[in-house]
């Protein structure tokens, strides 16, 4: 069994927390962009069908 220093374990945990937060932020941004694209398409189709 390997012995790990407590600070090493904390650094690893902190690195994983940063990675998780970064992925969540990117995921939220991607979702916002997709929703904006869908809203734009709906608006364009609505205007097209009004004519």
N, C-alpha and C. Protein backbone atom coordinates (compact mmCIF):
# COMPACT_ATOMS: atom_id res chain seq x y z
N UNK A 1 0.84 -1.17 0.00
CA UNK A 1 0.00 0.00 0.00
C UNK A 1 0.89 1.24 0.00
N UNK A 2 0.50 2.20 -0.83
CA UNK A 2 1.29 3.42 -0.93
C UNK A 2 0.88 4.41 0.15
N UNK A 3 1.87 5.12 0.63
CA UNK A 3 1.61 6.17 1.61
C UNK A 3 1.53 7.50 0.87
N UNK A 4 0.48 8.25 1.09
CA UNK A 4 0.37 9.56 0.45
C UNK A 4 0.36 10.63 1.52
N UNK A 5 1.00 11.69 1.21
CA UNK A 5 1.03 12.83 2.11
C UNK A 5 -0.31 13.53 2.02
N UNK A 6 -0.79 14.01 3.15
CA UNK A 6 -2.10 14.63 3.20
C UNK A 6 -2.21 15.80 2.22
N UNK A 7 -1.16 16.61 2.10
CA UNK A 7 -1.21 17.76 1.19
C UNK A 7 -1.31 17.30 -0.26
N UNK A 8 -0.68 16.18 -0.59
CA UNK A 8 -0.76 15.64 -1.94
C UNK A 8 -2.19 15.22 -2.27
N UNK A 9 -2.84 14.60 -1.33
CA UNK A 9 -4.23 14.18 -1.51
C UNK A 9 -5.14 15.40 -1.68
N UNK A 10 -4.89 16.45 -0.92
CA UNK A 10 -5.70 17.66 -1.01
C UNK A 10 -5.50 18.35 -2.34
N UNK A 11 -4.26 18.37 -2.84
CA UNK A 11 -3.98 18.98 -4.14
C UNK A 11 -4.71 18.22 -5.24
N UNK A 12 -4.69 16.90 -5.17
CA UNK A 12 -5.38 16.09 -6.17
C UNK A 12 -6.88 16.35 -6.12
N UNK A 13 -7.46 16.41 -4.94
CA UNK A 13 -8.89 16.67 -4.80
C UNK A 13 -9.22 18.05 -5.35
N UNK A 14 -8.38 19.05 -5.05
CA UNK A 14 -8.61 20.41 -5.54
C UNK A 14 -8.53 20.46 -7.06
N UNK A 15 -7.60 19.72 -7.65
CA UNK A 15 -7.47 19.67 -9.11
C UNK A 15 -8.73 19.08 -9.74
N UNK A 16 -9.26 18.02 -9.15
CA UNK A 16 -10.49 17.42 -9.66
C UNK A 16 -11.67 18.39 -9.53
N UNK A 17 -11.72 19.14 -8.45
CA UNK A 17 -12.79 20.10 -8.25
C UNK A 17 -12.74 21.20 -9.31
N UNK A 18 -11.54 21.68 -9.62
CA UNK A 18 -11.38 22.70 -10.66
C UNK A 18 -11.79 22.14 -12.02
N UNK A 19 -11.38 20.94 -12.32
CA UNK A 19 -11.74 20.31 -13.59
C UNK A 19 -13.25 20.15 -13.71
N UNK A 20 -13.90 19.69 -12.64
CA UNK A 20 -15.35 19.52 -12.65
C UNK A 20 -16.06 20.86 -12.86
N UNK A 21 -15.61 21.89 -12.17
CA UNK A 21 -16.22 23.21 -12.32
C UNK A 21 -16.04 23.74 -13.73
N UNK A 22 -14.87 23.51 -14.29
CA UNK A 22 -14.59 23.97 -15.65
C UNK A 22 -15.51 23.27 -16.65
N UNK A 23 -15.68 21.96 -16.49
CA UNK A 23 -16.55 21.22 -17.40
C UNK A 23 -18.00 21.65 -17.26
N UNK A 24 -18.44 21.93 -16.04
CA UNK A 24 -19.82 22.39 -15.83
C UNK A 24 -20.03 23.74 -16.47
N UNK A 25 -19.04 24.63 -16.34
CA UNK A 25 -19.15 25.96 -16.93
C UNK A 25 -19.23 25.86 -18.45
N UNK A 26 -18.39 25.01 -19.04
CA UNK A 26 -18.41 24.83 -20.49
C UNK A 26 -19.73 24.22 -20.94
N UNK A 27 -20.25 23.29 -20.16
CA UNK A 27 -21.51 22.66 -20.48
C UNK A 27 -22.65 23.67 -20.44
N UNK A 28 -22.65 24.54 -19.44
CA UNK A 28 -23.69 25.57 -19.32
C UNK A 28 -23.60 26.54 -20.48
N UNK A 29 -22.39 26.91 -20.87
CA UNK A 29 -22.21 27.82 -21.99
C UNK A 29 -22.69 27.19 -23.28
N UNK A 30 -22.38 25.93 -23.49
CA UNK A 30 -22.83 25.21 -24.68
C UNK A 30 -24.35 25.15 -24.73
N UNK A 31 -24.98 24.87 -23.61
CA UNK A 31 -26.44 24.82 -23.55
C UNK A 31 -27.04 26.18 -23.87
N UNK A 32 -26.47 27.24 -23.34
CA UNK A 32 -26.97 28.58 -23.62
C UNK A 32 -26.85 28.92 -25.09
N UNK A 33 -25.75 28.54 -25.71
CA UNK A 33 -25.56 28.79 -27.14
C UNK A 33 -26.57 28.02 -27.96
N UNK A 34 -26.79 26.75 -27.63
CA UNK A 34 -27.77 25.94 -28.36
C UNK A 34 -29.18 26.49 -28.22
N UNK A 35 -29.55 26.92 -27.03
CA UNK A 35 -30.87 27.50 -26.83
C UNK A 35 -31.03 28.79 -27.62
N UNK A 36 -29.98 29.58 -27.71
CA UNK A 36 -30.02 30.81 -28.50
C UNK A 36 -30.19 30.50 -29.98
N UNK A 37 -29.49 29.49 -30.46
CA UNK A 37 -29.60 29.09 -31.87
C UNK A 37 -31.02 28.61 -32.16
N UNK A 38 -31.58 27.79 -31.27
CA UNK A 38 -32.94 27.30 -31.47
C UNK A 38 -33.96 28.44 -31.47
N UNK A 39 -33.78 29.40 -30.58
CA UNK A 39 -34.70 30.54 -30.54
C UNK A 39 -34.60 31.36 -31.82
N UNK A 40 -33.40 31.52 -32.35
CA UNK A 40 -33.21 32.26 -33.60
C UNK A 40 -33.87 31.54 -34.76
N UNK A 41 -33.74 30.23 -34.81
CA UNK A 41 -34.36 29.44 -35.88
C UNK A 41 -35.88 29.53 -35.79
N UNK A 42 -36.42 29.42 -34.58
CA UNK A 42 -37.88 29.52 -34.41
C UNK A 42 -38.39 30.88 -34.87
N UNK A 43 -37.67 31.94 -34.51
CA UNK A 43 -38.07 33.28 -34.91
C UNK A 43 -38.02 33.43 -36.42
N UNK A 44 -36.97 32.92 -37.04
CA UNK A 44 -36.83 33.00 -38.50
C UNK A 44 -37.96 32.23 -39.19
N UNK A 45 -38.29 31.05 -38.69
CA UNK A 45 -39.37 30.27 -39.29
C UNK A 45 -40.71 30.95 -39.11
N UNK A 46 -40.93 31.53 -37.95
CA UNK A 46 -42.19 32.24 -37.69
C UNK A 46 -42.34 33.42 -38.65
N UNK A 47 -41.26 34.16 -38.86
CA UNK A 47 -41.31 35.30 -39.80
C UNK A 47 -41.50 34.82 -41.22
N UNK A 48 -40.89 33.71 -41.57
CA UNK A 48 -41.01 33.17 -42.92
C UNK A 48 -42.44 32.72 -43.19
N UNK A 49 -43.09 32.13 -42.21
CA UNK A 49 -44.45 31.61 -42.39
C UNK A 49 -45.50 32.71 -42.35
N UNK A 50 -45.17 33.89 -41.83
CA UNK A 50 -46.11 35.01 -41.80
C UNK A 50 -46.34 35.58 -43.19
N UNK A 51 -45.37 35.48 -44.04
CA UNK A 51 -45.45 36.10 -45.39
C UNK A 51 -46.42 35.39 -46.27
